[in-house]
């Protein structure tokens, strides 16, 4: 009888992930993110996705420019084993723009993912990851259904409050109620 071999998965830490970049194994063309110790390939960015992210960036920048930093498709470190690259994060303002260290969960006011092909992943694994790390608010822009899903009050397995906004609705991040985002402008 032959022995059964079960492969062991090697889990990376954020530090290991950065070493792969420093060694040139991962570079600027590598479309991956570290989620719970595993390297995951990111979906290609299509024109609708890119345009939606650009509109979100512009809308948030106009209303938060001196009080928050709009972080577009850049990493957020969630120690010890995750470094996602959300489509957009609204961060606590720092004059150095996080030049000396990537933002961590405590720096995040809001994370936004734009979903055209990744809705199940964004509602599942990504939502649980952000909630587990205490990200106070998480938005999913569902471009196919033309709606905005808002998740607030994180806990260990998800978010306590789930809200849905459609065209003609106005939504504000909890941390910045003065910032008014028109859903139809995001989805136009």
Protein backbone atom coordinates (compact mmCIF):
# COMPACT_ATOMS: atom_id res chain seq x y z
CA UNK A 1 0.00 0.00 0.00
CA UNK A 2 1.32 3.43 -0.95
CA UNK A 3 1.50 6.20 1.61
CA UNK A 4 -0.81 9.14 0.99
CA UNK A 5 0.95 12.47 0.68
CA UNK A 6 -0.87 15.58 1.76
CA UNK A 7 0.89 18.76 0.67
CA UNK A 8 1.46 21.40 3.30
CA UNK A 9 0.50 24.93 2.43
CA UNK A 10 3.16 27.48 3.28
CA UNK A 11 1.63 30.58 4.80
CA UNK A 12 3.41 33.87 4.31
CA UNK A 13 3.58 36.69 6.81
CA UNK A 14 3.48 40.32 5.71
CA UNK A 15 7.24 40.39 6.34
CA UNK A 16 7.76 37.35 4.04
CA UNK A 17 5.60 39.01 1.39
CA UNK A 18 7.74 42.18 1.50
CA UNK A 19 10.89 40.06 1.20
CA UNK A 20 9.51 38.56 -2.04
CA UNK A 21 9.19 42.10 -3.37
CA UNK A 22 12.66 43.12 -2.20
CA UNK A 23 14.14 40.03 -3.84
CA UNK A 24 12.50 40.92 -7.17
CA UNK A 25 10.23 37.85 -7.16
CA UNK A 26 7.22 40.15 -7.04
CA UNK A 27 7.36 43.49 -8.85
CA UNK A 28 5.10 46.33 -9.89
CA UNK A 29 3.58 44.15 -12.61
CA UNK A 30 2.61 41.43 -10.12
CA UNK A 31 -1.16 41.71 -9.62
CA UNK A 32 -1.35 39.88 -6.30
CA UNK A 33 -2.35 40.60 -2.73
CA UNK A 34 -1.64 38.75 0.48
CA UNK A 35 -4.79 37.45 2.17
CA UNK A 36 -4.49 35.33 5.32
CA UNK A 37 -0.99 34.24 4.35
CA UNK A 38 -1.78 33.25 0.75
CA UNK A 39 -0.84 35.11 -2.41
CA UNK A 40 -3.98 35.68 -4.45
CA UNK A 41 -3.98 36.85 -8.03
CA UNK A 42 -6.10 39.93 -8.55
CA UNK A 43 -8.68 40.07 -11.31
CA UNK A 44 -7.74 42.17 -14.35
CA UNK A 45 -9.05 45.73 -14.21
CA UNK A 46 -11.56 46.46 -16.95
CA UNK A 47 -12.68 49.87 -18.17
CA UNK A 48 -15.93 50.00 -16.14
CA UNK A 49 -14.09 49.03 -12.96
CA UNK A 50 -11.32 51.57 -13.58
CA UNK A 51 -13.78 54.36 -14.38
CA UNK A 52 -15.80 53.64 -11.22
CA UNK A 53 -12.66 53.73 -9.05
CA UNK A 54 -11.59 56.99 -10.71
CA UNK A 55 -15.01 58.57 -10.06
CA UNK A 56 -14.92 57.45 -6.41
CA UNK A 57 -11.44 58.91 -6.00
CA UNK A 58 -12.53 62.22 -7.48
CA UNK A 59 -15.71 62.43 -5.37
CA UNK A 60 -13.91 61.61 -2.12
CA UNK A 61 -10.95 63.86 -2.89
CA UNK A 62 -13.19 66.87 -3.55
CA UNK A 63 -14.90 66.50 -0.17
CA UNK A 64 -12.13 65.25 2.11
CA UNK A 65 -8.89 66.70 0.75
CA UNK A 66 -7.61 68.31 3.95
CA UNK A 67 -9.07 65.93 6.51
CA UNK A 68 -8.51 62.46 5.01
CA UNK A 69 -6.27 60.81 2.47
CA UNK A 70 -7.82 58.99 -0.49
CA UNK A 71 -5.72 55.84 -1.04
CA UNK A 72 -6.42 54.30 -4.47
CA UNK A 73 -5.50 50.66 -5.19
CA UNK A 74 -2.65 50.72 -2.69
CA UNK A 75 -1.87 48.25 0.11
CA UNK A 76 -3.15 48.33 3.65
CA UNK A 77 -1.23 46.14 6.12
CA UNK A 78 -3.37 43.87 8.28
CA UNK A 79 -0.86 42.05 10.45
CA UNK A 80 0.30 39.39 10.65
CA UNK A 81 -0.75 37.71 7.37
CA UNK A 82 -2.68 40.08 5.10
CA UNK A 83 -1.95 43.04 2.88
CA UNK A 84 -4.92 43.63 0.59
CA UNK A 85 -5.00 46.32 -2.06
CA UNK A 86 -8.53 47.70 -1.86
CA UNK A 87 -9.82 49.72 -4.76
CA UNK A 88 -10.08 52.72 -2.47
CA UNK A 89 -9.44 53.45 1.19
CA UNK A 90 -10.18 56.62 3.07
CA UNK A 91 -7.38 57.07 5.60
CA UNK A 92 -6.69 59.33 8.53
CA UNK A 93 -4.80 62.31 7.14
CA UNK A 94 -1.03 62.36 7.57
CA UNK A 95 1.24 64.98 6.07
CA UNK A 96 3.77 62.33 4.99
CA UNK A 97 1.06 60.44 3.04
CA UNK A 98 2.23 57.17 4.71
CA UNK A 99 5.69 57.46 3.12
CA UNK A 100 7.44 55.82 6.07
CA UNK A 101 5.02 52.97 6.73
CA UNK A 102 1.98 51.57 4.98
CA UNK A 103 -1.35 52.26 6.66
CA UNK A 104 -2.68 49.70 9.13
CA UNK A 105 -6.24 48.97 10.25
CA UNK A 106 -6.19 51.78 12.84
CA UNK A 107 -5.50 54.30 10.04
CA UNK A 108 -8.51 53.26 7.94
CA UNK A 109 -11.79 55.16 8.06
CA UNK A 110 -13.41 53.33 5.13
CA UNK A 111 -12.53 50.69 2.54
CA UNK A 112 -14.32 50.47 -0.82
CA UNK A 113 -14.20 47.56 -3.26
CA UNK A 114 -15.66 47.88 -6.76
CA UNK A 115 -17.23 44.59 -7.82
CA UNK A 116 -17.89 43.64 -11.37
CA UNK A 117 -16.49 40.09 -11.40
CA UNK A 118 -15.53 39.62 -7.74
CA UNK A 119 -18.80 40.13 -5.85
CA UNK A 120 -18.84 36.77 -4.02
CA UNK A 121 -15.22 37.22 -2.91
CA UNK A 122 -15.83 40.83 -1.82
CA UNK A 123 -18.98 39.84 0.14
CA UNK A 124 -17.29 36.80 1.62
CA UNK A 125 -13.58 36.57 2.31
CA UNK A 126 -12.82 40.29 1.97
CA UNK A 127 -15.77 41.34 4.16
CA UNK A 128 -14.75 38.90 6.93
CA UNK A 129 -11.09 39.99 6.69
CA UNK A 130 -11.92 43.68 7.03
CA UNK A 131 -14.38 43.05 9.87
CA UNK A 132 -11.93 40.83 11.77
CA UNK A 133 -9.35 43.63 11.65
CA UNK A 134 -11.83 46.23 12.87
CA UNK A 135 -12.18 48.24 9.67
CA UNK A 136 -15.06 50.47 10.80
CA UNK A 137 -16.84 50.72 7.46
CA UNK A 138 -16.74 48.74 4.23
CA UNK A 139 -18.49 49.60 0.98
CA UNK A 140 -19.05 47.34 -2.03
CA UNK A 141 -19.97 49.05 -5.29
CA UNK A 142 -21.91 46.39 -7.20
CA UNK A 143 -21.65 47.76 -10.72
CA UNK A 144 -23.82 44.99 -12.25
CA UNK A 145 -26.78 45.56 -9.92
CA UNK A 146 -26.09 49.33 -9.82
CA UNK A 147 -26.12 49.54 -6.03
CA UNK A 148 -23.88 50.38 -3.12
CA UNK A 149 -23.69 48.00 -0.16
CA UNK A 150 -22.53 49.57 3.11
CA UNK A 151 -21.29 47.52 6.06
CA UNK A 152 -20.74 49.06 9.50
CA UNK A 153 -20.01 47.96 13.07
CA UNK A 154 -17.45 45.19 12.58
CA UNK A 155 -17.27 42.07 14.73
CA UNK A 156 -15.30 38.82 14.51
CA UNK A 157 -17.33 37.28 11.65
CA UNK A 158 -18.70 40.23 9.74
CA UNK A 159 -20.56 43.46 10.23
CA UNK A 160 -23.61 44.11 12.39
CA UNK A 161 -25.19 46.76 10.13
CA UNK A 162 -25.79 46.20 6.44
CA UNK A 163 -27.32 48.96 4.33
CA UNK A 164 -28.10 49.19 0.63
CA UNK A 165 -28.19 52.34 -1.48
CA UNK A 166 -29.37 52.75 -5.07
CA UNK A 167 -29.35 55.50 -7.68
CA UNK A 168 -30.69 58.82 -6.34
CA UNK A 169 -29.49 57.96 -2.80
CA UNK A 170 -26.85 59.99 -0.98
CA UNK A 171 -24.46 58.25 1.42
CA UNK A 172 -21.82 59.53 3.80
CA UNK A 173 -19.00 57.66 5.50
CA UNK A 174 -19.68 57.35 9.24
CA UNK A 175 -16.34 58.98 10.05
CA UNK A 176 -17.09 61.95 7.79
CA UNK A 177 -20.83 62.68 7.69
CA UNK A 178 -20.13 66.00 5.96
CA UNK A 179 -18.92 64.13 2.85
CA UNK A 180 -21.97 63.45 0.70
CA UNK A 181 -21.55 60.87 -2.05
CA UNK A 182 -24.31 60.60 -4.68
CA UNK A 183 -24.67 56.95 -5.66
CA UNK A 184 -25.72 57.84 -9.21
CA UNK A 185 -22.45 59.78 -9.67
CA UNK A 186 -20.47 56.71 -8.61
CA UNK A 187 -22.40 54.41 -10.97
CA UNK A 188 -22.85 56.74 -13.96
